[in-house]
Amino acid sequence: MPYIPQVDRDKFQAGVDALGQTVKTYGFSLGELTYLLTMLIKMYVNRHGKSFVTCAMVIGALICAAL
């Protein structure tokens, strides 16, 4: 996982905790995991624009997460 300064992690922590609580309460399927990843990717692409570079960055992030 790449180094992310604590201040940058902190801004996402409440959302991560809420998602973690939902998963703890209800569990989640592979389809739901795919849905969550897809929604995050769509938000990233919407913010950065649909381009070859943006798609390459997303694919790279997914590959790194898989490793």
PDB file of N, CA and C in Angstrom:
ATOM      1  N   MET A   1       0.853  -1.170   0.000  1.00  0.00           N
ATOM      2  CA  MET A   1       0.000   0.000   0.000  1.00  0.00           C
ATOM      3  C   MET A   1       0.897   1.230   0.000  1.00  0.00           C
ATOM      4  N   PRO A   2       0.568   2.209  -0.842  1.00  0.00           N
ATOM      5  CA  PRO A   2       1.405   3.409  -0.879  1.00  0.00           C
ATOM      6  C   PRO A   2       1.284   4.201   0.417  1.00  0.00           C
ATOM      7  N   TYR A   3       2.329   4.956   0.684  1.00  0.00           N
ATOM      8  CA  TYR A   3       2.293   5.797   1.875  1.00  0.00           C
ATOM      9  C   TYR A   3       1.315   6.935   1.657  1.00  0.00           C
ATOM     10  N   ILE A   4       0.415   7.110   2.589  1.00  0.00           N
ATOM     11  CA  ILE A   4      -0.531   8.225   2.570  1.00  0.00           C
ATOM     12  C   ILE A   4      -0.407   8.911   3.915  1.00  0.00           C
ATOM     13  N   PRO A   5      -0.117  10.220   3.925  1.00  0.00           N
ATOM     14  CA  PRO A   5       0.014  10.928   5.201  1.00  0.00           C
ATOM     15  C   PRO A   5      -1.241  10.759   6.065  1.00  0.00           C
ATOM     16  N   GLN A   6      -1.039  10.731   7.359  1.00  0.00           N
ATOM     17  CA  GLN A   6      -2.141  10.521   8.303  1.00  0.00           C
ATOM     18  C   GLN A   6      -3.276  11.511   8.095  1.00  0.00           C
ATOM     19  N   VAL A   7      -2.945  12.761   7.802  1.00  0.00           N
ATOM     20  CA  VAL A   7      -3.984  13.775   7.612  1.00  0.00           C
ATOM     21  C   VAL A   7      -4.880  13.417   6.423  1.00  0.00           C
ATOM     22  N   ASP A   8      -4.314  12.804   5.389  1.00  0.00           N
ATOM     23  CA  ASP A   8      -5.109  12.393   4.235  1.00  0.00           C
ATOM     24  C   ASP A   8      -5.948  11.155   4.556  1.00  0.00           C
ATOM     25  N   ARG A   9      -5.422  10.276   5.384  1.00  0.00           N
ATOM     26  CA  ARG A   9      -6.207   9.107   5.813  1.00  0.00           C
ATOM     27  C   ARG A   9      -7.392   9.538   6.673  1.00  0.00           C
ATOM     28  N   ASP A  10      -7.148  10.511   7.534  1.00  0.00           N
ATOM     29  CA  ASP A  10      -8.176  10.956   8.485  1.00  0.00           C
ATOM     30  C   ASP A  10      -9.446  11.438   7.786  1.00  0.00           C
ATOM     31  N   LYS A  11      -9.303  12.084   6.643  1.00  0.00           N
ATOM     32  CA  LYS A  11     -10.489  12.628   5.975  1.00  0.00           C
ATOM     33  C   LYS A  11     -11.417  11.541   5.453  1.00  0.00           C
ATOM     34  N   PHE A  12     -10.929  10.323   5.301  1.00  0.00           N
ATOM     35  CA  PHE A  12     -11.757   9.213   4.830  1.00  0.00           C
ATOM     36  C   PHE A  12     -12.185   8.265   5.939  1.00  0.00           C
ATOM     37  N   GLN A  13     -11.617   8.409   7.128  1.00  0.00           N
ATOM     38  CA  GLN A  13     -11.797   7.399   8.171  1.00  0.00           C
ATOM     39  C   GLN A  13     -13.247   7.217   8.600  1.00  0.00           C
ATOM     40  N   ALA A  14     -14.012   8.307   8.722  1.00  0.00           N
ATOM     41  CA  ALA A  14     -15.413   8.169   9.134  1.00  0.00           C
ATOM     42  C   ALA A  14     -16.197   7.327   8.124  1.00  0.00           C
ATOM     43  N   GLY A  15     -15.961   7.542   6.853  1.00  0.00           N
ATOM     44  CA  GLY A  15     -16.630   6.753   5.818  1.00  0.00           C
ATOM     45  C   GLY A  15     -16.190   5.304   5.830  1.00  0.00           C
ATOM     46  N   VAL A  16     -14.907   5.080   6.035  1.00  0.00           N
ATOM     47  CA  VAL A  16     -14.389   3.714   6.114  1.00  0.00           C
ATOM     48  C   VAL A  16     -14.980   2.994   7.325  1.00  0.00           C
ATOM     49  N   ASP A  17     -15.049   3.692   8.450  1.00  0.00           N
ATOM     50  CA  ASP A  17     -15.629   3.093   9.658  1.00  0.00           C
ATOM     51  C   ASP A  17     -17.103   2.757   9.453  1.00  0.00           C
ATOM     52  N   ALA A  18     -17.846   3.668   8.814  1.00  0.00           N
ATOM     53  CA  ALA A  18     -19.276   3.419   8.558  1.00  0.00           C
ATOM     54  C   ALA A  18     -19.452   2.225   7.631  1.00  0.00           C
ATOM     55  N   LEU A  19     -18.648   2.145   6.590  1.00  0.00           N
ATOM     56  CA  LEU A  19     -18.714   1.004   5.678  1.00  0.00           C
ATOM     57  C   LEU A  19     -18.345  -0.287   6.406  1.00  0.00           C
ATOM     58  N   GLY A  20     -17.324  -0.216   7.255  1.00  0.00           N
ATOM     59  CA  GLY A  20     -16.923  -1.385   8.040  1.00  0.00           C
ATOM     60  C   GLY A  20     -18.038  -1.863   8.952  1.00  0.00           C
ATOM     61  N   GLN A  21     -18.761  -0.945   9.550  1.00  0.00           N
ATOM     62  CA  GLN A  21     -19.875  -1.328  10.423  1.00  0.00           C
ATOM     63  C   GLN A  21     -20.995  -1.987   9.617  1.00  0.00           C
ATOM     64  N   THR A  22     -21.266  -1.461   8.428  1.00  0.00           N
ATOM     65  CA  THR A  22     -22.286  -2.065   7.563  1.00  0.00           C
ATOM     66  C   THR A  22     -21.888  -3.484   7.182  1.00  0.00           C
ATOM     67  N   VAL A  23     -20.626  -3.674   6.827  1.00  0.00           N
ATOM     68  CA  VAL A  23     -20.134  -5.002   6.465  1.00  0.00           C
ATOM     69  C   VAL A  23     -20.197  -5.937   7.666  1.00  0.00           C
ATOM     70  N   LYS A  24     -19.820  -5.439   8.831  1.00  0.00           N
ATOM     71  CA  LYS A  24     -19.870  -6.256  10.044  1.00  0.00           C
ATOM     72  C   LYS A  24     -21.302  -6.692  10.355  1.00  0.00           C
ATOM     73  N   THR A  25     -22.255  -5.803  10.147  1.00  0.00           N
ATOM     74  CA  THR A  25     -23.650  -6.093  10.458  1.00  0.00           C
ATOM     75  C   THR A  25     -24.283  -7.026   9.432  1.00  0.00           C
ATOM     76  N   TYR A  26     -24.060  -6.759   8.153  1.00  0.00           N
ATOM     77  CA  TYR A  26     -24.768  -7.477   7.095  1.00  0.00           C
ATOM     78  C   TYR A  26     -23.905  -8.430   6.280  1.00  0.00           C
ATOM     79  N   GLY A  27     -22.567  -8.303   6.401  1.00  0.00           N
ATOM     80  CA  GLY A  27     -21.705  -9.054   5.499  1.00  0.00           C
ATOM     81  C   GLY A  27     -21.812  -8.451   4.111  1.00  0.00           C
ATOM     82  N   PHE A  28     -21.087  -9.009   3.173  1.00  0.00           N
ATOM     83  CA  PHE A  28     -21.261  -8.576   1.790  1.00  0.00           C
ATOM     84  C   PHE A  28     -20.714  -9.619   0.844  1.00  0.00           C
ATOM     85  N   SER A  29     -21.316  -9.642  -0.338  1.00  0.00           N
ATOM     86  CA  SER A  29     -20.996 -10.648  -1.341  1.00  0.00           C
ATOM     87  C   SER A  29     -19.927 -10.119  -2.296  1.00  0.00           C
ATOM     88  N   LEU A  30     -19.450 -10.994  -3.144  1.00  0.00           N
ATOM     89  CA  LEU A  30     -18.493 -10.589  -4.166  1.00  0.00           C
ATOM     90  C   LEU A  30     -19.120  -9.551  -5.091  1.00  0.00           C
ATOM     91  N   GLY A  31     -20.395  -9.720  -5.411  1.00  0.00           N
ATOM     92  CA  GLY A  31     -21.087  -8.741  -6.246  1.00  0.00           C
ATOM     93  C   GLY A  31     -21.152  -7.378  -5.587  1.00  0.00           C
ATOM     94  N   GLU A  32     -21.388  -7.366  -4.269  1.00  0.00           N
ATOM     95  CA  GLU A  32     -21.440  -6.096  -3.550  1.00  0.00           C
ATOM     96  C   GLU A  32     -20.060  -5.446  -3.464  1.00  0.00           C
ATOM     97  N   LEU A  33     -19.023  -6.250  -3.305  1.00  0.00           N
ATOM     98  CA  LEU A  33     -17.659  -5.718  -3.327  1.00  0.00           C
ATOM     99  C   LEU A  33     -17.370  -5.092  -4.686  1.00  0.00           C
ATOM    100  N   THR A  34     -17.757  -5.778  -5.749  1.00  0.00           N
ATOM    101  CA  THR A  34     -17.571  -5.248  -7.099  1.00  0.00           C
ATOM    102  C   THR A  34     -18.330  -3.943  -7.275  1.00  0.00           C
ATOM    103  N   TYR A  35     -19.547  -3.888  -6.754  1.00  0.00           N
ATOM    104  CA  TYR A  35     -20.350  -2.661  -6.824  1.00  0.00           C
ATOM    105  C   TYR A  35     -19.632  -1.503  -6.124  1.00  0.00           C
ATOM    106  N   LEU A  36     -19.139  -1.746  -4.911  1.00  0.00           N
ATOM    107  CA  LEU A  36     -18.461  -0.689  -4.160  1.00  0.00           C
ATOM    108  C   LEU A  36     -17.221  -0.189  -4.893  1.00  0.00           C
ATOM    109  N   LEU A  37     -16.428  -1.106  -5.407  1.00  0.00           N
ATOM    110  CA  LEU A  37     -15.234  -0.708  -6.156  1.00  0.00           C
ATOM    111  C   LEU A  37     -15.619   0.087  -7.402  1.00  0.00           C
ATOM    112  N   THR A  38     -16.662  -0.365  -8.097  1.00  0.00           N
ATOM    113  CA  THR A  38     -17.118   0.327  -9.294  1.00  0.00           C
ATOM    114  C   THR A  38     -17.579   1.744  -8.973  1.00  0.00           C
ATOM    115  N   MET A  39     -18.310   1.919  -7.883  1.00  0.00           N
ATOM    116  CA  MET A  39     -18.785   3.252  -7.517  1.00  0.00           C
ATOM    117  C   MET A  39     -17.616   4.182  -7.181  1.00  0.00           C
ATOM    118  N   LEU A  40     -16.617   3.672  -6.484  1.00  0.00           N
ATOM    119  CA  LEU A  40     -15.434   4.481  -6.178  1.00  0.00           C
ATOM    120  C   LEU A  40     -14.698   4.870  -7.456  1.00  0.00           C
ATOM    121  N   ILE A  41     -14.566   3.915  -8.369  1.00  0.00           N
ATOM    122  CA  ILE A  41     -13.886   4.188  -9.637  1.00  0.00           C
ATOM    123  C   ILE A  41     -14.664   5.225 -10.440  1.00  0.00           C
ATOM    124  N   LYS A  42     -15.994   5.099 -10.477  1.00  0.00           N
ATOM    125  CA  LYS A  42     -16.801   6.074 -11.209  1.00  0.00           C
ATOM    126  C   LYS A  42     -16.626   7.470 -10.631  1.00  0.00           C
ATOM    127  N   MET A  43     -16.574   7.590  -9.305  1.00  0.00           N
ATOM    128  CA  MET A  43     -16.365   8.896  -8.682  1.00  0.00           C
ATOM    129  C   MET A  43     -15.007   9.469  -9.072  1.00  0.00           C
ATOM    130  N   TYR A  44     -13.981   8.615  -9.069  1.00  0.00           N
ATOM    131  CA  TYR A  44     -12.637   9.056  -9.433  1.00  0.00           C
ATOM    132  C   TYR A  44     -12.610   9.539 -10.885  1.00  0.00           C
ATOM    133  N   VAL A  45     -13.199   8.751 -11.784  1.00  0.00           N
ATOM    134  CA  VAL A  45     -13.215   9.117 -13.200  1.00  0.00           C
ATOM    135  C   VAL A  45     -14.023  10.389 -13.423  1.00  0.00           C
ATOM    136  N   ASN A  46     -15.153  10.524 -12.752  1.00  0.00           N
ATOM    137  CA  ASN A  46     -15.949  11.741 -12.890  1.00  0.00           C
ATOM    138  C   ASN A  46     -15.172  12.976 -12.446  1.00  0.00           C
ATOM    139  N   ARG A  47     -14.379  12.813 -11.405  1.00  0.00           N
ATOM    140  CA  ARG A  47     -13.603  13.956 -10.885  1.00  0.00           C
ATOM    141  C   ARG A  47     -12.409  14.299 -11.772  1.00  0.00           C
ATOM    142  N   HIS A  48     -11.751  13.264 -12.317  1.00  0.00           N
ATOM    143  CA  HIS A  48     -10.505  13.475 -13.068  1.00  0.00           C
ATOM    144  C   HIS A  48     -10.681  13.452 -14.583  1.00  0.00           C
ATOM    145  N   GLY A  49     -11.872  13.106 -15.040  1.00  0.00           N
ATOM    146  CA  GLY A  49     -12.136  13.063 -16.482  1.00  0.00           C
ATOM    147  C   GLY A  49     -11.814  11.706 -17.070  1.00  0.00           C
ATOM    148  N   LYS A  50     -12.627  11.317 -18.035  1.00  0.00           N
ATOM    149  CA  LYS A  50     -12.420  10.029 -18.684  1.00  0.00           C
ATOM    150  C   LYS A  50     -11.359  10.201 -19.766  1.00  0.00           C
ATOM    151  N   SER A  51     -10.214   9.613 -19.513  1.00  0.00           N
ATOM    152  CA  SER A  51      -9.097   9.704 -20.460  1.00  0.00           C
ATOM    153  C   SER A  51      -8.252   8.444 -20.324  1.00  0.00           C
ATOM    154  N   PHE A  52      -7.347   8.275 -21.252  1.00  0.00           N
ATOM    155  CA  PHE A  52      -6.440   7.130 -21.185  1.00  0.00           C
ATOM    156  C   PHE A  52      -5.639   7.160 -19.881  1.00  0.00           C
ATOM    157  N   VAL A  53      -5.147   8.336 -19.517  1.00  0.00           N
ATOM    158  CA  VAL A  53      -4.316   8.466 -18.312  1.00  0.00           C
ATOM    159  C   VAL A  53      -5.125   8.101 -17.063  1.00  0.00           C
ATOM    160  N   THR A  54      -6.358   8.603 -16.968  1.00  0.00           N
ATOM    161  CA  THR A  54      -7.189   8.294 -15.809  1.00  0.00           C
ATOM    162  C   THR A  54      -7.458   6.795 -15.735  1.00  0.00           C
ATOM    163  N   CYS A  55      -7.801   6.185 -16.858  1.00  0.00           N
ATOM    164  CA  CYS A  55      -8.049   4.738 -16.868  1.00  0.00           C
ATOM    165  C   CYS A  55      -6.795   3.961 -16.485  1.00  0.00           C
ATOM    166  N   ALA A  56      -5.646   4.402 -16.981  1.00  0.00           N
ATOM    167  CA  ALA A  56      -4.385   3.743 -16.638  1.00  0.00           C
ATOM    168  C   ALA A  56      -4.098   3.865 -15.143  1.00  0.00           C
ATOM    169  N   MET A  57      -4.394   5.015 -14.562  1.00  0.00           N
ATOM    170  CA  MET A  57      -4.173   5.205 -13.130  1.00  0.00           C
ATOM    171  C   MET A  57      -5.083   4.286 -12.313  1.00  0.00           C
ATOM    172  N   VAL A  58      -6.348   4.176 -12.727  1.00  0.00           N
ATOM    173  CA  VAL A  58      -7.290   3.317 -12.023  1.00  0.00           C
ATOM    174  C   VAL A  58      -6.851   1.861 -12.116  1.00  0.00           C
ATOM    175  N   ILE A  59      -6.489   1.420 -13.299  1.00  0.00           N
ATOM    176  CA  ILE A  59      -6.036   0.031 -13.487  1.00  0.00           C
ATOM    177  C   ILE A  59      -4.792  -0.211 -12.641  1.00  0.00           C
ATOM    178  N   GLY A  60      -3.883   0.735 -12.630  1.00  0.00           N
ATOM    179  CA  GLY A  60      -2.671   0.590 -11.824  1.00  0.00           C
ATOM    180  C   GLY A  60      -2.992   0.468 -10.332  1.00  0.00           C
ATOM    181  N   ALA A  61      -3.940   1.278  -9.876  1.00  0.00           N
ATOM    182  CA  ALA A  61      -4.326   1.215  -8.458  1.00  0.00           C
ATOM    183  C   ALA A  61      -4.951  -0.141  -8.134  1.00  0.00           C
ATOM    184  N   LEU A  62      -5.792  -0.646  -9.033  1.00  0.00           N
ATOM    185  CA  LEU A  62      -6.416  -1.955  -8.801  1.00  0.00           C
ATOM    186  C   LEU A  62      -5.377  -3.070  -8.792  1.00  0.00           C
ATOM    187  N   ILE A  63      -4.419  -3.003  -9.688  1.00  0.00           N
ATOM    188  CA  ILE A  63      -3.357  -4.011  -9.726  1.00  0.00           C
ATOM    189  C   ILE A  63      -2.537  -3.956  -8.446  1.00  0.00           C
ATOM    190  N   CYS A  64      -2.173  -2.757  -8.011  1.00  0.00           N
ATOM    191  CA  CYS A  64      -1.401  -2.626  -6.768  1.00  0.00           C
ATOM    192  C   CYS A  64      -2.192  -3.135  -5.571  1.00  0.00           C
ATOM    193  N   ALA A  65      -3.483  -2.845  -5.530  1.00  0.00           N
ATOM    194  CA  ALA A  65      -4.313  -3.341  -4.426  1.00  0.00           C
ATOM    195  C   ALA A  65      -4.378  -4.862  -4.458  1.00  0.00           C
ATOM    196  N   ALA A  66      -4.426  -5.439  -5.654  1.00  0.00           N
ATOM    197  CA  ALA A  66      -4.489  -6.896  -5.781  1.00  0.00           C
ATOM    198  C   ALA A  66      -3.207  -7.549  -5.285  1.00  0.00           C
ATOM    199  N   LEU A  67      -2.099  -6.866  -5.484  1.00  0.00           N
ATOM    200  CA  LEU A  67      -0.819  -7.435  -5.035  1.00  0.00           C
ATOM    201  C   LEU A  67      -0.684  -7.331  -3.541  1.00  0.00           C
TER     202      LEU A  67
END
